[in-house]
N, C-alpha and C. Protein backbone atom coordinates (compact mmCIF):
# COMPACT_ATOMS: atom_id res chain seq x y z
N UNK A 1 -2.72 18.10 -28.89
CA UNK A 1 -3.32 16.85 -29.32
C UNK A 1 -3.49 16.91 -30.83
N UNK A 2 -2.92 15.96 -31.51
CA UNK A 2 -3.07 15.91 -32.95
C UNK A 2 -4.26 15.02 -33.29
N UNK A 3 -5.02 15.44 -34.27
CA UNK A 3 -6.21 14.67 -34.66
C UNK A 3 -5.80 13.45 -35.47
N UNK A 4 -6.33 12.31 -35.11
CA UNK A 4 -6.09 11.08 -35.84
C UNK A 4 -7.41 10.64 -36.45
N UNK A 5 -7.37 10.13 -37.68
CA UNK A 5 -8.62 9.75 -38.34
C UNK A 5 -9.36 8.61 -37.63
N UNK A 6 -8.63 7.71 -36.95
CA UNK A 6 -9.29 6.59 -36.29
C UNK A 6 -9.66 6.89 -34.84
N UNK A 7 -9.49 8.12 -34.40
CA UNK A 7 -9.82 8.49 -33.03
C UNK A 7 -11.34 8.58 -32.86
N UNK A 8 -11.79 8.16 -31.68
CA UNK A 8 -13.22 8.27 -31.34
C UNK A 8 -13.37 9.48 -30.43
N UNK A 9 -14.41 10.30 -30.68
CA UNK A 9 -14.60 11.53 -29.93
C UNK A 9 -16.02 11.59 -29.36
N UNK A 10 -16.11 12.10 -28.13
CA UNK A 10 -17.41 12.32 -27.49
C UNK A 10 -17.42 13.72 -26.92
N UNK A 11 -18.52 14.44 -27.16
CA UNK A 11 -18.65 15.83 -26.74
C UNK A 11 -20.07 16.11 -26.26
N UNK A 12 -20.22 17.19 -25.48
CA UNK A 12 -21.59 17.62 -25.16
C UNK A 12 -22.32 17.95 -26.47
N UNK A 13 -23.61 17.64 -26.55
CA UNK A 13 -24.36 17.94 -27.79
C UNK A 13 -24.31 19.44 -28.12
N UNK A 14 -24.02 19.74 -29.38
CA UNK A 14 -23.91 21.14 -29.82
C UNK A 14 -25.21 21.91 -29.60
N UNK A 15 -26.33 21.24 -29.73
CA UNK A 15 -27.62 21.89 -29.51
C UNK A 15 -27.74 22.37 -28.07
N UNK A 16 -27.30 21.55 -27.13
CA UNK A 16 -27.38 21.94 -25.72
C UNK A 16 -26.42 23.08 -25.40
N UNK A 17 -25.25 23.07 -26.02
CA UNK A 17 -24.31 24.17 -25.81
C UNK A 17 -24.91 25.47 -26.36
N UNK A 18 -25.52 25.39 -27.53
CA UNK A 18 -26.18 26.57 -28.11
C UNK A 18 -27.32 27.07 -27.23
N UNK A 19 -28.11 26.13 -26.68
CA UNK A 19 -29.19 26.52 -25.77
C UNK A 19 -28.64 27.17 -24.50
N UNK A 20 -27.50 26.68 -24.02
CA UNK A 20 -26.89 27.29 -22.84
C UNK A 20 -26.46 28.73 -23.13
N UNK A 21 -25.89 28.97 -24.32
CA UNK A 21 -25.51 30.34 -24.69
C UNK A 21 -26.75 31.23 -24.81
N UNK A 22 -27.80 30.72 -25.43
CA UNK A 22 -29.04 31.50 -25.56
C UNK A 22 -29.65 31.77 -24.19
N UNK A 23 -29.66 30.77 -23.33
CA UNK A 23 -30.19 30.95 -21.98
C UNK A 23 -29.37 31.93 -21.17
N UNK A 24 -28.05 31.88 -21.34
CA UNK A 24 -27.17 32.82 -20.63
C UNK A 24 -27.43 34.25 -21.09
N UNK A 25 -27.59 34.44 -22.38
CA UNK A 25 -27.90 35.78 -22.89
C UNK A 25 -29.25 36.26 -22.37
N UNK A 26 -30.23 35.37 -22.36
CA UNK A 26 -31.55 35.73 -21.85
C UNK A 26 -31.52 36.06 -20.36
N UNK A 27 -30.79 35.27 -19.58
CA UNK A 27 -30.69 35.52 -18.15
C UNK A 27 -29.94 36.82 -17.87
N UNK A 28 -28.90 37.11 -18.67
CA UNK A 28 -28.16 38.36 -18.49
C UNK A 28 -29.06 39.56 -18.82
N UNK A 29 -29.86 39.43 -19.87
CA UNK A 29 -30.80 40.50 -20.23
C UNK A 29 -31.84 40.68 -19.13
N UNK A 30 -32.36 39.57 -18.62
CA UNK A 30 -33.33 39.62 -17.52
C UNK A 30 -32.72 40.31 -16.30
N UNK A 31 -31.48 39.95 -15.98
CA UNK A 31 -30.78 40.55 -14.84
C UNK A 31 -30.62 42.06 -15.05
N UNK A 32 -30.19 42.46 -16.22
CA UNK A 32 -29.99 43.88 -16.52
C UNK A 32 -31.32 44.64 -16.42
N UNK A 33 -32.40 44.06 -16.94
CA UNK A 33 -33.71 44.70 -16.84
C UNK A 33 -34.16 44.86 -15.38
N UNK A 34 -33.90 43.84 -14.57
CA UNK A 34 -34.28 43.93 -13.17
C UNK A 34 -33.45 44.98 -12.42
N UNK A 35 -32.17 45.03 -12.73
CA UNK A 35 -31.31 46.02 -12.07
C UNK A 35 -31.69 47.43 -12.50
N UNK A 36 -31.86 47.64 -13.80
CA UNK A 36 -32.20 48.99 -14.29
C UNK A 36 -33.61 49.40 -13.91
N UNK A 37 -34.50 48.45 -13.67
CA UNK A 37 -35.87 48.76 -13.29
C UNK A 37 -36.06 48.89 -11.78
N UNK A 38 -34.99 48.67 -11.02
CA UNK A 38 -35.08 48.80 -9.57
C UNK A 38 -35.88 47.69 -8.91
N UNK A 39 -35.79 46.50 -9.42
CA UNK A 39 -36.53 45.37 -8.85
C UNK A 39 -35.99 45.02 -7.47
N UNK A 40 -36.70 44.15 -6.79
CA UNK A 40 -36.30 43.76 -5.44
C UNK A 40 -34.97 43.01 -5.48
N UNK A 41 -34.20 43.06 -4.40
CA UNK A 41 -32.88 42.42 -4.37
C UNK A 41 -32.94 40.90 -4.60
N UNK A 42 -33.98 40.24 -4.11
CA UNK A 42 -34.07 38.79 -4.30
C UNK A 42 -34.20 38.43 -5.78
N UNK A 43 -34.99 39.19 -6.53
CA UNK A 43 -35.14 38.94 -7.96
C UNK A 43 -33.85 39.19 -8.71
N UNK A 44 -33.15 40.25 -8.33
CA UNK A 44 -31.85 40.55 -8.98
C UNK A 44 -30.84 39.45 -8.69
N UNK A 45 -30.84 38.96 -7.44
CA UNK A 45 -29.92 37.89 -7.08
C UNK A 45 -30.24 36.62 -7.87
N UNK A 46 -31.50 36.27 -7.94
CA UNK A 46 -31.91 35.08 -8.69
C UNK A 46 -31.50 35.18 -10.16
N UNK A 47 -31.75 36.32 -10.77
CA UNK A 47 -31.37 36.51 -12.18
C UNK A 47 -29.86 36.47 -12.35
N UNK A 48 -29.13 37.08 -11.42
CA UNK A 48 -27.66 37.07 -11.50
C UNK A 48 -27.09 35.68 -11.37
N UNK A 49 -27.61 34.90 -10.44
CA UNK A 49 -27.14 33.52 -10.26
C UNK A 49 -27.46 32.68 -11.50
N UNK A 50 -28.66 32.85 -12.05
CA UNK A 50 -29.02 32.11 -13.27
C UNK A 50 -28.09 32.46 -14.42
N UNK A 51 -27.79 33.75 -14.58
CA UNK A 51 -26.89 34.18 -15.66
C UNK A 51 -25.50 33.59 -15.49
N UNK A 52 -24.96 33.64 -14.26
CA UNK A 52 -23.61 33.11 -14.02
C UNK A 52 -23.57 31.60 -14.27
N UNK A 53 -24.56 30.87 -13.77
CA UNK A 53 -24.58 29.42 -13.97
C UNK A 53 -24.69 29.04 -15.45
N UNK A 54 -25.56 29.74 -16.18
CA UNK A 54 -25.72 29.42 -17.60
C UNK A 54 -24.47 29.81 -18.41
N UNK A 55 -23.85 30.94 -18.08
CA UNK A 55 -22.60 31.31 -18.76
C UNK A 55 -21.51 30.29 -18.47
N UNK A 56 -21.42 29.82 -17.22
CA UNK A 56 -20.42 28.81 -16.87
C UNK A 56 -20.66 27.52 -17.65
N UNK A 57 -21.90 27.08 -17.72
CA UNK A 57 -22.22 25.86 -18.47
C UNK A 57 -21.91 26.04 -19.96
N UNK A 58 -22.22 27.21 -20.51
CA UNK A 58 -21.96 27.46 -21.93
C UNK A 58 -20.46 27.50 -22.23
N UNK A 59 -19.71 28.15 -21.36
CA UNK A 59 -18.26 28.22 -21.55
C UNK A 59 -17.66 26.82 -21.46
N UNK A 60 -18.07 26.05 -20.45
CA UNK A 60 -17.55 24.69 -20.30
C UNK A 60 -17.89 23.84 -21.52
N UNK A 61 -19.14 23.91 -21.98
CA UNK A 61 -19.56 23.13 -23.14
C UNK A 61 -18.82 23.51 -24.41
N UNK A 62 -18.38 24.75 -24.49
CA UNK A 62 -17.65 25.22 -25.66
C UNK A 62 -16.17 24.85 -25.59
N UNK A 63 -15.55 25.11 -24.44
CA UNK A 63 -14.11 24.89 -24.28
C UNK A 63 -13.77 23.40 -24.23
N UNK A 64 -14.60 22.62 -23.59
CA UNK A 64 -14.31 21.20 -23.38
C UNK A 64 -14.82 20.34 -24.52
N UNK A 65 -14.59 20.76 -25.75
CA UNK A 65 -14.98 19.98 -26.92
C UNK A 65 -13.73 19.55 -27.66
N UNK A 66 -13.55 18.33 -28.00
CA UNK A 66 -14.32 17.18 -27.54
C UNK A 66 -13.96 16.86 -26.10
N UNK A 67 -14.91 16.38 -25.34
CA UNK A 67 -14.72 16.11 -23.91
C UNK A 67 -13.83 14.90 -23.69
N UNK A 68 -14.01 13.88 -24.51
CA UNK A 68 -13.24 12.64 -24.37
C UNK A 68 -12.84 12.15 -25.75
N UNK A 69 -11.56 11.83 -25.92
CA UNK A 69 -11.04 11.31 -27.18
C UNK A 69 -10.28 10.02 -26.88
N UNK A 70 -10.58 8.97 -27.62
CA UNK A 70 -9.85 7.71 -27.50
C UNK A 70 -9.14 7.45 -28.81
N UNK A 71 -7.85 7.16 -28.72
CA UNK A 71 -7.05 6.86 -29.90
C UNK A 71 -6.06 5.76 -29.54
N UNK A 72 -5.23 5.39 -30.46
CA UNK A 72 -4.32 4.27 -30.25
C UNK A 72 -3.39 4.49 -29.05
N UNK A 73 -3.01 5.72 -28.79
CA UNK A 73 -2.05 6.00 -27.72
C UNK A 73 -2.70 6.08 -26.34
N UNK A 74 -4.01 6.31 -26.26
CA UNK A 74 -4.67 6.43 -24.97
C UNK A 74 -5.90 7.31 -25.06
N UNK A 75 -6.28 7.88 -23.93
CA UNK A 75 -7.45 8.75 -23.88
C UNK A 75 -7.01 10.17 -23.52
N UNK A 76 -7.73 11.14 -24.08
CA UNK A 76 -7.49 12.54 -23.77
C UNK A 76 -8.80 13.12 -23.26
N UNK A 77 -8.72 13.82 -22.13
CA UNK A 77 -9.89 14.43 -21.50
C UNK A 77 -9.69 15.94 -21.52
N UNK A 78 -10.71 16.65 -22.03
CA UNK A 78 -10.64 18.12 -22.06
C UNK A 78 -11.53 18.70 -20.99
N UNK A 79 -11.05 19.77 -20.39
CA UNK A 79 -11.80 20.51 -19.39
C UNK A 79 -11.51 21.99 -19.56
N UNK A 80 -11.87 22.78 -18.57
CA UNK A 80 -11.64 24.22 -18.65
C UNK A 80 -10.16 24.57 -18.64
N UNK A 81 -9.34 23.74 -18.03
CA UNK A 81 -7.90 24.03 -17.97
C UNK A 81 -7.10 23.36 -19.08
N UNK A 82 -7.77 22.88 -20.11
CA UNK A 82 -7.07 22.28 -21.23
C UNK A 82 -7.24 20.77 -21.27
N UNK A 83 -6.39 20.14 -22.07
CA UNK A 83 -6.49 18.69 -22.30
C UNK A 83 -5.44 17.95 -21.49
N UNK A 84 -5.82 16.78 -21.00
CA UNK A 84 -4.88 15.90 -20.31
C UNK A 84 -4.92 14.54 -20.99
N UNK A 85 -3.75 14.07 -21.39
CA UNK A 85 -3.65 12.78 -22.07
C UNK A 85 -3.26 11.71 -21.06
N UNK A 86 -3.91 10.56 -21.15
CA UNK A 86 -3.60 9.41 -20.30
C UNK A 86 -3.34 8.21 -21.20
N UNK A 87 -2.09 7.75 -21.30
CA UNK A 87 -1.79 6.56 -22.12
C UNK A 87 -2.54 5.34 -21.57
N UNK A 88 -2.83 4.39 -22.45
CA UNK A 88 -3.60 3.20 -22.05
C UNK A 88 -3.02 2.47 -20.84
N UNK A 89 -1.69 2.34 -20.71
CA UNK A 89 -1.18 1.64 -19.51
C UNK A 89 -1.54 2.35 -18.20
N UNK A 90 -1.85 3.65 -18.27
CA UNK A 90 -2.22 4.39 -17.06
C UNK A 90 -3.74 4.41 -16.81
N UNK A 91 -4.50 3.84 -17.73
CA UNK A 91 -5.94 3.72 -17.52
C UNK A 91 -6.16 2.40 -16.78
N UNK A 92 -6.47 2.51 -15.49
CA UNK A 92 -6.56 1.33 -14.63
C UNK A 92 -7.89 0.60 -14.75
N UNK A 93 -8.99 1.33 -14.96
CA UNK A 93 -10.30 0.70 -15.04
C UNK A 93 -11.26 1.56 -15.84
N UNK A 94 -12.14 0.88 -16.56
CA UNK A 94 -13.22 1.52 -17.32
C UNK A 94 -14.50 0.82 -16.87
N UNK A 95 -15.42 1.58 -16.31
CA UNK A 95 -16.65 0.95 -15.85
C UNK A 95 -17.81 1.94 -15.89
N UNK A 96 -19.01 1.38 -15.86
CA UNK A 96 -20.23 2.19 -15.80
C UNK A 96 -20.89 1.92 -14.46
N UNK A 97 -21.12 2.99 -13.73
CA UNK A 97 -21.82 2.90 -12.45
C UNK A 97 -23.24 3.41 -12.65
N UNK A 98 -24.17 2.83 -11.97
CA UNK A 98 -25.57 3.27 -12.06
C UNK A 98 -25.94 3.95 -10.76
N UNK A 99 -26.39 5.18 -10.88
CA UNK A 99 -26.74 6.00 -9.73
C UNK A 99 -28.22 6.32 -9.79
N UNK A 100 -28.90 6.24 -8.67
CA UNK A 100 -30.33 6.58 -8.63
C UNK A 100 -30.46 8.09 -8.44
N UNK A 101 -31.14 8.71 -9.41
CA UNK A 101 -31.40 10.14 -9.36
C UNK A 101 -32.84 10.39 -9.75
N UNK A 102 -33.54 11.14 -8.94
CA UNK A 102 -34.91 11.51 -9.22
C UNK A 102 -35.77 10.29 -9.57
N UNK A 103 -35.54 9.20 -8.86
CA UNK A 103 -36.37 8.01 -9.03
C UNK A 103 -36.01 7.13 -10.21
N UNK A 104 -34.90 7.36 -10.86
CA UNK A 104 -34.50 6.49 -11.97
C UNK A 104 -33.00 6.29 -11.95
N UNK A 105 -32.55 5.23 -12.60
CA UNK A 105 -31.12 4.93 -12.66
C UNK A 105 -30.47 5.71 -13.79
N UNK A 106 -29.34 6.32 -13.46
CA UNK A 106 -28.59 7.10 -14.44
C UNK A 106 -27.20 6.48 -14.58
N UNK A 107 -26.79 6.08 -15.80
CA UNK A 107 -25.45 5.51 -15.95
C UNK A 107 -24.38 6.61 -15.99
N UNK A 108 -23.26 6.36 -15.33
CA UNK A 108 -22.13 7.28 -15.32
C UNK A 108 -20.88 6.49 -15.69
N UNK A 109 -20.13 6.98 -16.67
CA UNK A 109 -18.88 6.35 -17.07
C UNK A 109 -17.79 6.79 -16.10
N UNK A 110 -17.04 5.83 -15.57
CA UNK A 110 -15.93 6.13 -14.69
C UNK A 110 -14.65 5.57 -15.27
N UNK A 111 -13.61 6.40 -15.27
CA UNK A 111 -12.28 5.98 -15.67
C UNK A 111 -11.34 6.20 -14.50
N UNK A 112 -10.65 5.15 -14.08
CA UNK A 112 -9.59 5.26 -13.07
C UNK A 112 -8.29 5.42 -13.83
N UNK A 113 -7.60 6.54 -13.63
CA UNK A 113 -6.35 6.80 -14.34
C UNK A 113 -5.26 7.21 -13.36
N UNK A 114 -4.01 7.03 -13.77
CA UNK A 114 -2.87 7.51 -13.00
C UNK A 114 -2.34 8.78 -13.66
N UNK A 115 -2.13 9.82 -12.85
CA UNK A 115 -1.55 11.06 -13.34
C UNK A 115 -0.06 10.87 -13.62
N UNK A 116 0.58 11.91 -14.16
CA UNK A 116 2.01 11.86 -14.43
C UNK A 116 2.82 11.66 -13.16
N UNK A 117 2.30 12.16 -12.03
CA UNK A 117 3.03 12.00 -10.77
C UNK A 117 2.61 10.75 -9.99
N UNK A 118 1.86 9.86 -10.62
CA UNK A 118 1.50 8.59 -10.02
C UNK A 118 0.27 8.60 -9.14
N UNK A 119 -0.41 9.73 -9.02
CA UNK A 119 -1.63 9.79 -8.20
C UNK A 119 -2.81 9.24 -9.00
N UNK A 120 -3.64 8.48 -8.32
CA UNK A 120 -4.82 7.92 -8.97
C UNK A 120 -5.93 8.95 -8.99
N UNK A 121 -6.61 9.06 -10.13
CA UNK A 121 -7.73 9.99 -10.29
C UNK A 121 -8.94 9.23 -10.82
N UNK A 122 -10.10 9.67 -10.40
CA UNK A 122 -11.35 9.11 -10.90
C UNK A 122 -11.99 10.16 -11.79
N UNK A 123 -12.19 9.82 -13.05
CA UNK A 123 -12.84 10.72 -14.01
C UNK A 123 -14.25 10.20 -14.25
N UNK A 124 -15.25 11.07 -14.09
CA UNK A 124 -16.64 10.66 -14.19
C UNK A 124 -17.31 11.46 -15.31
N UNK A 125 -18.04 10.74 -16.18
CA UNK A 125 -18.71 11.37 -17.32
C UNK A 125 -20.16 10.89 -17.38
N UNK A 126 -21.06 11.81 -17.61
CA UNK A 126 -22.46 11.48 -17.81
C UNK A 126 -22.84 11.61 -19.27
N UNK A 127 -24.09 11.34 -19.55
CA UNK A 127 -24.59 11.42 -20.92
C UNK A 127 -24.40 12.83 -21.50
N UNK A 128 -24.59 13.88 -20.69
CA UNK A 128 -24.42 15.24 -21.19
C UNK A 128 -22.97 15.55 -21.53
N UNK A 129 -22.03 14.97 -20.79
CA UNK A 129 -20.60 15.16 -21.10
C UNK A 129 -20.24 14.52 -22.43
N UNK A 130 -20.80 13.35 -22.66
CA UNK A 130 -20.39 12.51 -23.79
C UNK A 130 -21.25 12.68 -25.03
N UNK A 131 -22.50 13.08 -24.87
CA UNK A 131 -23.41 13.15 -26.00
C UNK A 131 -23.77 11.77 -26.52
N UNK A 132 -23.54 10.75 -25.70
CA UNK A 132 -23.81 9.37 -26.08
C UNK A 132 -24.08 8.56 -24.82
N UNK A 133 -24.56 7.35 -25.00
CA UNK A 133 -24.84 6.47 -23.87
C UNK A 133 -23.53 6.03 -23.22
N UNK A 134 -23.37 6.24 -21.90
CA UNK A 134 -22.13 5.82 -21.23
C UNK A 134 -21.81 4.34 -21.39
N UNK A 135 -22.82 3.48 -21.50
CA UNK A 135 -22.56 2.05 -21.72
C UNK A 135 -21.87 1.82 -23.07
N UNK A 136 -22.34 2.50 -24.11
CA UNK A 136 -21.73 2.37 -25.44
C UNK A 136 -20.31 2.92 -25.45
N UNK A 137 -20.10 4.03 -24.76
CA UNK A 137 -18.76 4.62 -24.70
C UNK A 137 -17.81 3.69 -23.95
N UNK A 138 -18.27 3.11 -22.84
CA UNK A 138 -17.43 2.17 -22.08
C UNK A 138 -17.04 0.98 -22.93
N UNK A 139 -17.99 0.47 -23.70
CA UNK A 139 -17.69 -0.66 -24.58
C UNK A 139 -16.64 -0.28 -25.63
N UNK A 140 -16.79 0.90 -26.24
CA UNK A 140 -15.83 1.35 -27.24
C UNK A 140 -14.45 1.58 -26.62
N UNK A 141 -14.41 2.15 -25.42
CA UNK A 141 -13.12 2.38 -24.74
C UNK A 141 -12.45 1.06 -24.37
N UNK A 142 -13.23 0.10 -23.93
CA UNK A 142 -12.68 -1.21 -23.58
C UNK A 142 -12.08 -1.87 -24.80
N UNK A 143 -12.79 -1.82 -25.94
CA UNK A 143 -12.25 -2.39 -27.19
C UNK A 143 -10.96 -1.67 -27.59
N UNK A 144 -10.97 -0.33 -27.51
CA UNK A 144 -9.78 0.43 -27.91
C UNK A 144 -8.59 0.13 -26.99
N UNK A 145 -8.85 -0.05 -25.71
CA UNK A 145 -7.74 -0.31 -24.78
C UNK A 145 -7.13 -1.68 -25.00
N UNK A 146 -7.91 -2.62 -25.51
CA UNK A 146 -7.41 -3.97 -25.77
C UNK A 146 -6.63 -4.06 -27.07
N UNK A 147 -6.75 -3.06 -27.95
CA UNK A 147 -6.06 -3.09 -29.24
C UNK A 147 -4.84 -2.19 -29.24
N UNK A 148 -4.30 -1.90 -28.10
CA UNK A 148 -3.14 -1.00 -28.04
C UNK A 148 -1.88 -1.71 -28.36
């Protein structure tokens, strides 16, 4: 993916990625202390699971930057397995869905895209993926798709 000056980029907030790395290091240290101190198996398991989850979140937040890029040719989505580009003609729909979580509505950006082999895929992004309001991102993507 070549960087274009007029491209719009959305990524997980750098502060949160840094906190995930710090939390992962802390959880790994906690796990090591519990293992070396002969703590109970349940505590070691809990610390191990916390360390693995935080390391996974930190790696994902680092590798998948920028998470979503919109440019004149289409959108590019980054994940753990690299970047996938979807030209605008293959972006079938851009919408924001509202999901009730923990007693409040949470907006989620959804993109319906066609893969290279013609299979339809649903890509879902939340505020943590984008580092911005999904409604604002949907509006920007809609404008960009109309100017292709």
